[in-house]
Amino acid sequence: MYLRGLILFWVYDGSAGQKRTMVLYEKTLKMVMVGIKLAGNPFLRPLHKLAAELLEVI
């Protein structure tokens, strides 16, 4: 979903050389990496269950 959102932003980015997309990518990539590292934490299992239920609905 992250990649699709980034591509959608890139498609509509009217800045010269899609510079806003690059800034968005650089800023959000760190957040995604931290999220992936935290996803393995056993204390977040209830959140995993809620996310799985949401994905089933989608």
PDB file of N, CA and C in Angstrom:
ATOM      1  N   MET A   1       0.823  -1.188   0.000  1.00  0.00           N
ATOM      2  CA  MET A   1       0.000   0.000   0.000  1.00  0.00           C
ATOM      3  C   MET A   1       0.869   1.254   0.000  1.00  0.00           C
ATOM      4  N   TYR A   2       1.980   1.171   0.706  1.00  0.00           N
ATOM      5  CA  TYR A   2       2.887   2.328   0.752  1.00  0.00           C
ATOM      6  C   TYR A   2       3.373   2.678  -0.652  1.00  0.00           C
ATOM      7  N   LEU A   3       3.796   1.675  -1.373  1.00  0.00           N
ATOM      8  CA  LEU A   3       4.319   1.906  -2.717  1.00  0.00           C
ATOM      9  C   LEU A   3       3.239   2.459  -3.648  1.00  0.00           C
ATOM     10  N   ARG A   4       2.043   1.932  -3.540  1.00  0.00           N
ATOM     11  CA  ARG A   4       0.948   2.437  -4.385  1.00  0.00           C
ATOM     12  C   ARG A   4       0.642   3.897  -4.079  1.00  0.00           C
ATOM     13  N   GLY A   5       0.654   4.234  -2.797  1.00  0.00           N
ATOM     14  CA  GLY A   5       0.418   5.624  -2.411  1.00  0.00           C
ATOM     15  C   GLY A   5       1.513   6.542  -2.922  1.00  0.00           C
ATOM     16  N   LEU A   6       2.734   6.069  -2.847  1.00  0.00           N
ATOM     17  CA  LEU A   6       3.855   6.857  -3.334  1.00  0.00           C
ATOM     18  C   LEU A   6       3.776   7.053  -4.850  1.00  0.00           C
ATOM     19  N   ILE A   7       3.397   6.013  -5.565  1.00  0.00           N
ATOM     20  CA  ILE A   7       3.242   6.132  -7.022  1.00  0.00           C
ATOM     21  C   ILE A   7       2.114   7.098  -7.368  1.00  0.00           C
ATOM     22  N   LEU A   8       1.019   7.017  -6.642  1.00  0.00           N
ATOM     23  CA  LEU A   8      -0.089   7.937  -6.885  1.00  0.00           C
ATOM     24  C   LEU A   8       0.341   9.376  -6.647  1.00  0.00           C
ATOM     25  N   PHE A   9       1.094   9.611  -5.587  1.00  0.00           N
ATOM     26  CA  PHE A   9       1.603  10.949  -5.304  1.00  0.00           C
ATOM     27  C   PHE A   9       2.514  11.406  -6.427  1.00  0.00           C
ATOM     28  N   TRP A  10       3.364  10.512  -6.922  1.00  0.00           N
ATOM     29  CA  TRP A  10       4.299  10.831  -8.006  1.00  0.00           C
ATOM     30  C   TRP A  10       3.550  11.213  -9.286  1.00  0.00           C
ATOM     31  N   VAL A  11       2.471  10.475  -9.579  1.00  0.00           N
ATOM     32  CA  VAL A  11       1.707  10.752 -10.800  1.00  0.00           C
ATOM     33  C   VAL A  11       1.133  12.166 -10.778  1.00  0.00           C
ATOM     34  N   TYR A  12       0.658  12.613  -9.634  1.00  0.00           N
ATOM     35  CA  TYR A  12       0.039  13.929  -9.536  1.00  0.00           C
ATOM     36  C   TYR A  12       0.992  15.026  -9.076  1.00  0.00           C
ATOM     37  N   ASP A  13       2.263  14.690  -8.882  1.00  0.00           N
ATOM     38  CA  ASP A  13       3.248  15.670  -8.414  1.00  0.00           C
ATOM     39  C   ASP A  13       3.598  16.620  -9.549  1.00  0.00           C
ATOM     40  N   GLY A  14       3.279  17.879  -9.373  1.00  0.00           N
ATOM     41  CA  GLY A  14       3.547  18.874 -10.398  1.00  0.00           C
ATOM     42  C   GLY A  14       4.830  19.644 -10.183  1.00  0.00           C
ATOM     43  N   SER A  15       5.592  19.293  -9.158  1.00  0.00           N
ATOM     44  CA  SER A  15       6.837  20.011  -8.901  1.00  0.00           C
ATOM     45  C   SER A  15       7.890  19.643  -9.945  1.00  0.00           C
ATOM     46  N   ALA A  16       8.846  20.519 -10.109  1.00  0.00           N
ATOM     47  CA  ALA A  16       9.911  20.296 -11.099  1.00  0.00           C
ATOM     48  C   ALA A  16      10.718  19.054 -10.725  1.00  0.00           C
ATOM     49  N   GLY A  17      10.769  18.112 -11.644  1.00  0.00           N
ATOM     50  CA  GLY A  17      11.531  16.886 -11.415  1.00  0.00           C
ATOM     51  C   GLY A  17      10.943  15.998 -10.329  1.00  0.00           C
ATOM     52  N   GLN A  18       9.685  16.193 -10.011  1.00  0.00           N
ATOM     53  CA  GLN A  18       8.998  15.438  -8.959  1.00  0.00           C
ATOM     54  C   GLN A  18       9.767  15.488  -7.637  1.00  0.00           C
ATOM     55  N   LYS A  19      10.272  16.672  -7.302  1.00  0.00           N
ATOM     56  CA  LYS A  19      11.056  16.840  -6.075  1.00  0.00           C
ATOM     57  C   LYS A  19      10.235  16.584  -4.824  1.00  0.00           C
ATOM     58  N   ARG A  20       8.963  16.947  -4.851  1.00  0.00           N
ATOM     59  CA  ARG A  20       8.110  16.698  -3.670  1.00  0.00           C
ATOM     60  C   ARG A  20       7.968  15.209  -3.422  1.00  0.00           C
ATOM     61  N   THR A  21       7.923  14.407  -4.468  1.00  0.00           N
ATOM     62  CA  THR A  21       7.831  12.963  -4.310  1.00  0.00           C
ATOM     63  C   THR A  21       9.097  12.423  -3.658  1.00  0.00           C
ATOM     64  N   MET A  22      10.247  12.928  -4.059  1.00  0.00           N
ATOM     65  CA  MET A  22      11.499  12.472  -3.471  1.00  0.00           C
ATOM     66  C   MET A  22      11.584  12.837  -1.990  1.00  0.00           C
ATOM     67  N   VAL A  23      11.114  14.025  -1.640  1.00  0.00           N
ATOM     68  CA  VAL A  23      11.111  14.430  -0.232  1.00  0.00           C
ATOM     69  C   VAL A  23      10.168  13.526   0.554  1.00  0.00           C
ATOM     70  N   LEU A  24       8.997  13.264   0.009  1.00  0.00           N
ATOM     71  CA  LEU A  24       8.044  12.377   0.674  1.00  0.00           C
ATOM     72  C   LEU A  24       8.650  10.996   0.870  1.00  0.00           C
ATOM     73  N   TYR A  25       9.302  10.472  -0.154  1.00  0.00           N
ATOM     74  CA  TYR A  25       9.937   9.163  -0.083  1.00  0.00           C
ATOM     75  C   TYR A  25      11.007   9.130   1.003  1.00  0.00           C
ATOM     76  N   GLU A  26      11.883  10.121   1.016  1.00  0.00           N
ATOM     77  CA  GLU A  26      12.968  10.151   1.993  1.00  0.00           C
ATOM     78  C   GLU A  26      12.446  10.253   3.421  1.00  0.00           C
ATOM     79  N   LYS A  27      11.410  11.045   3.638  1.00  0.00           N
ATOM     80  CA  LYS A  27      10.861  11.226   4.984  1.00  0.00           C
ATOM     81  C   LYS A  27      10.072  10.011   5.458  1.00  0.00           C
ATOM     82  N   THR A  28       9.289   9.416   4.579  1.00  0.00           N
ATOM     83  CA  THR A  28       8.416   8.322   5.007  1.00  0.00           C
ATOM     84  C   THR A  28       9.113   6.975   5.029  1.00  0.00           C
ATOM     85  N   LEU A  29      10.190   6.808   4.286  1.00  0.00           N
ATOM     86  CA  LEU A  29      10.885   5.522   4.273  1.00  0.00           C
ATOM     87  C   LEU A  29      11.407   5.169   5.659  1.00  0.00           C
ATOM     88  N   LYS A  30      11.914   6.143   6.382  1.00  0.00           N
ATOM     89  CA  LYS A  30      12.390   5.904   7.745  1.00  0.00           C
ATOM     90  C   LYS A  30      11.241   5.425   8.635  1.00  0.00           C
ATOM     91  N   MET A  31      10.075   6.049   8.476  1.00  0.00           N
ATOM     92  CA  MET A  31       8.910   5.657   9.272  1.00  0.00           C
ATOM     93  C   MET A  31       8.495   4.228   8.953  1.00  0.00           C
ATOM     94  N   VAL A  32       8.511   3.864   7.694  1.00  0.00           N
ATOM     95  CA  VAL A  32       8.124   2.510   7.280  1.00  0.00           C
ATOM     96  C   VAL A  32       9.102   1.490   7.847  1.00  0.00           C
ATOM     97  N   MET A  33      10.387   1.804   7.801  1.00  0.00           N
ATOM     98  CA  MET A  33      11.402   0.878   8.314  1.00  0.00           C
ATOM     99  C   MET A  33      11.246   0.659   9.825  1.00  0.00           C
ATOM    100  N   VAL A  34      10.971   1.708  10.563  1.00  0.00           N
ATOM    101  CA  VAL A  34      10.738   1.572  11.998  1.00  0.00           C
ATOM    102  C   VAL A  34       9.477   0.757  12.242  1.00  0.00           C
ATOM    103  N   GLY A  35       8.455   0.994  11.450  1.00  0.00           N
ATOM    104  CA  GLY A  35       7.214   0.226  11.582  1.00  0.00           C
ATOM    105  C   GLY A  35       7.420  -1.252  11.328  1.00  0.00           C
ATOM    106  N   ILE A  36       8.246  -1.580  10.358  1.00  0.00           N
ATOM    107  CA  ILE A  36       8.527  -2.990  10.063  1.00  0.00           C
ATOM    108  C   ILE A  36       9.285  -3.632  11.216  1.00  0.00           C
ATOM    109  N   LYS A  37      10.245  -2.900  11.769  1.00  0.00           N
ATOM    110  CA  LYS A  37      10.998  -3.429  12.915  1.00  0.00           C
ATOM    111  C   LYS A  37      10.083  -3.645  14.117  1.00  0.00           C
ATOM    112  N   LEU A  38       9.179  -2.718  14.352  1.00  0.00           N
ATOM    113  CA  LEU A  38       8.261  -2.833  15.486  1.00  0.00           C
ATOM    114  C   LEU A  38       7.205  -3.908  15.273  1.00  0.00           C
ATOM    115  N   ALA A  39       6.932  -4.252  14.039  1.00  0.00           N
ATOM    116  CA  ALA A  39       5.882  -5.229  13.737  1.00  0.00           C
ATOM    117  C   ALA A  39       6.186  -6.594  14.335  1.00  0.00           C
ATOM    118  N   GLY A  40       7.456  -6.893  14.543  1.00  0.00           N
ATOM    119  CA  GLY A  40       7.820  -8.172  15.132  1.00  0.00           C
ATOM    120  C   GLY A  40       7.679  -8.216  16.645  1.00  0.00           C
ATOM    121  N   ASN A  41       7.348  -7.114  17.255  1.00  0.00           N
ATOM    122  CA  ASN A  41       7.208  -7.038  18.708  1.00  0.00           C
ATOM    123  C   ASN A  41       5.955  -7.781  19.151  1.00  0.00           C
ATOM    124  N   PRO A  42       6.092  -8.730  20.091  1.00  0.00           N
ATOM    125  CA  PRO A  42       4.926  -9.504  20.534  1.00  0.00           C
ATOM    126  C   PRO A  42       3.844  -8.670  21.218  1.00  0.00           C
ATOM    127  N   PHE A  43       4.204  -7.514  21.742  1.00  0.00           N
ATOM    128  CA  PHE A  43       3.214  -6.669  22.404  1.00  0.00           C
ATOM    129  C   PHE A  43       2.248  -6.024  21.415  1.00  0.00           C
ATOM    130  N   LEU A  44       2.598  -6.071  20.136  1.00  0.00           N
ATOM    131  CA  LEU A  44       1.748  -5.472  19.113  1.00  0.00           C
ATOM    132  C   LEU A  44       0.824  -6.487  18.435  1.00  0.00           C
ATOM    133  N   ARG A  45       0.743  -7.693  18.964  1.00  0.00           N
ATOM    134  CA  ARG A  45      -0.120  -8.708  18.345  1.00  0.00           C
ATOM    135  C   ARG A  45      -1.585  -8.283  18.260  1.00  0.00           C
ATOM    136  N   PRO A  46      -2.137  -7.620  19.278  1.00  0.00           N
ATOM    137  CA  PRO A  46      -3.530  -7.147  19.121  1.00  0.00           C
ATOM    138  C   PRO A  46      -3.686  -6.198  17.936  1.00  0.00           C
ATOM    139  N   LEU A  47      -2.687  -5.383  17.701  1.00  0.00           N
ATOM    140  CA  LEU A  47      -2.726  -4.481  16.553  1.00  0.00           C
ATOM    141  C   LEU A  47      -2.644  -5.266  15.251  1.00  0.00           C
ATOM    142  N   HIS A  48      -1.857  -6.337  15.233  1.00  0.00           N
ATOM    143  CA  HIS A  48      -1.771  -7.193  14.045  1.00  0.00           C
ATOM    144  C   HIS A  48      -3.130  -7.796  13.726  1.00  0.00           C
ATOM    145  N   LYS A  49      -3.838  -8.227  14.771  1.00  0.00           N
ATOM    146  CA  LYS A  49      -5.155  -8.833  14.566  1.00  0.00           C
ATOM    147  C   LYS A  49      -6.130  -7.814  13.977  1.00  0.00           C
ATOM    148  N   LEU A  50      -6.108  -6.605  14.508  1.00  0.00           N
ATOM    149  CA  LEU A  50      -6.992  -5.560  13.989  1.00  0.00           C
ATOM    150  C   LEU A  50      -6.656  -5.221  12.541  1.00  0.00           C
ATOM    151  N   ALA A  51      -5.373  -5.173  12.223  1.00  0.00           N
ATOM    152  CA  ALA A  51      -4.964  -4.882  10.849  1.00  0.00           C
ATOM    153  C   ALA A  51      -5.403  -6.000   9.907  1.00  0.00           C
ATOM    154  N   ALA A  52      -5.299  -7.247  10.354  1.00  0.00           N
ATOM    155  CA  ALA A  52      -5.727  -8.373   9.521  1.00  0.00           C
ATOM    156  C   ALA A  52      -7.229  -8.321   9.275  1.00  0.00           C
ATOM    157  N   GLU A  53      -7.999  -7.968  10.293  1.00  0.00           N
ATOM    158  CA  GLU A  53      -9.448  -7.840  10.122  1.00  0.00           C
ATOM    159  C   GLU A  53      -9.783  -6.723   9.144  1.00  0.00           C
ATOM    160  N   LEU A  54      -9.039  -5.625   9.224  1.00  0.00           N
ATOM    161  CA  LEU A  54      -9.272  -4.511   8.308  1.00  0.00           C
ATOM    162  C   LEU A  54      -8.960  -4.919   6.873  1.00  0.00           C
ATOM    163  N   LEU A  55      -7.874  -5.663   6.682  1.00  0.00           N
ATOM    164  CA  LEU A  55      -7.512  -6.109   5.343  1.00  0.00           C
ATOM    165  C   LEU A  55      -8.552  -7.065   4.768  1.00  0.00           C
ATOM    166  N   GLU A  56      -9.170  -7.879   5.619  1.00  0.00           N
ATOM    167  CA  GLU A  56     -10.234  -8.768   5.147  1.00  0.00           C
ATOM    168  C   GLU A  56     -11.416  -7.976   4.616  1.00  0.00           C
ATOM    169  N   VAL A  57     -11.737  -6.894   5.292  1.00  0.00           N
ATOM    170  CA  VAL A  57     -12.854  -6.053   4.864  1.00  0.00           C
ATOM    171  C   VAL A  57     -12.544  -5.368   3.535  1.00  0.00           C
ATOM    172  N   ILE A  58     -11.304  -4.914   3.408  1.00  0.00           N
ATOM    173  CA  ILE A  58     -10.905  -4.218   2.181  1.00  0.00           C
ATOM    174  C   ILE A  58     -10.853  -5.201   1.050  1.00  0.00           C
TER     175      ILE A  58
END
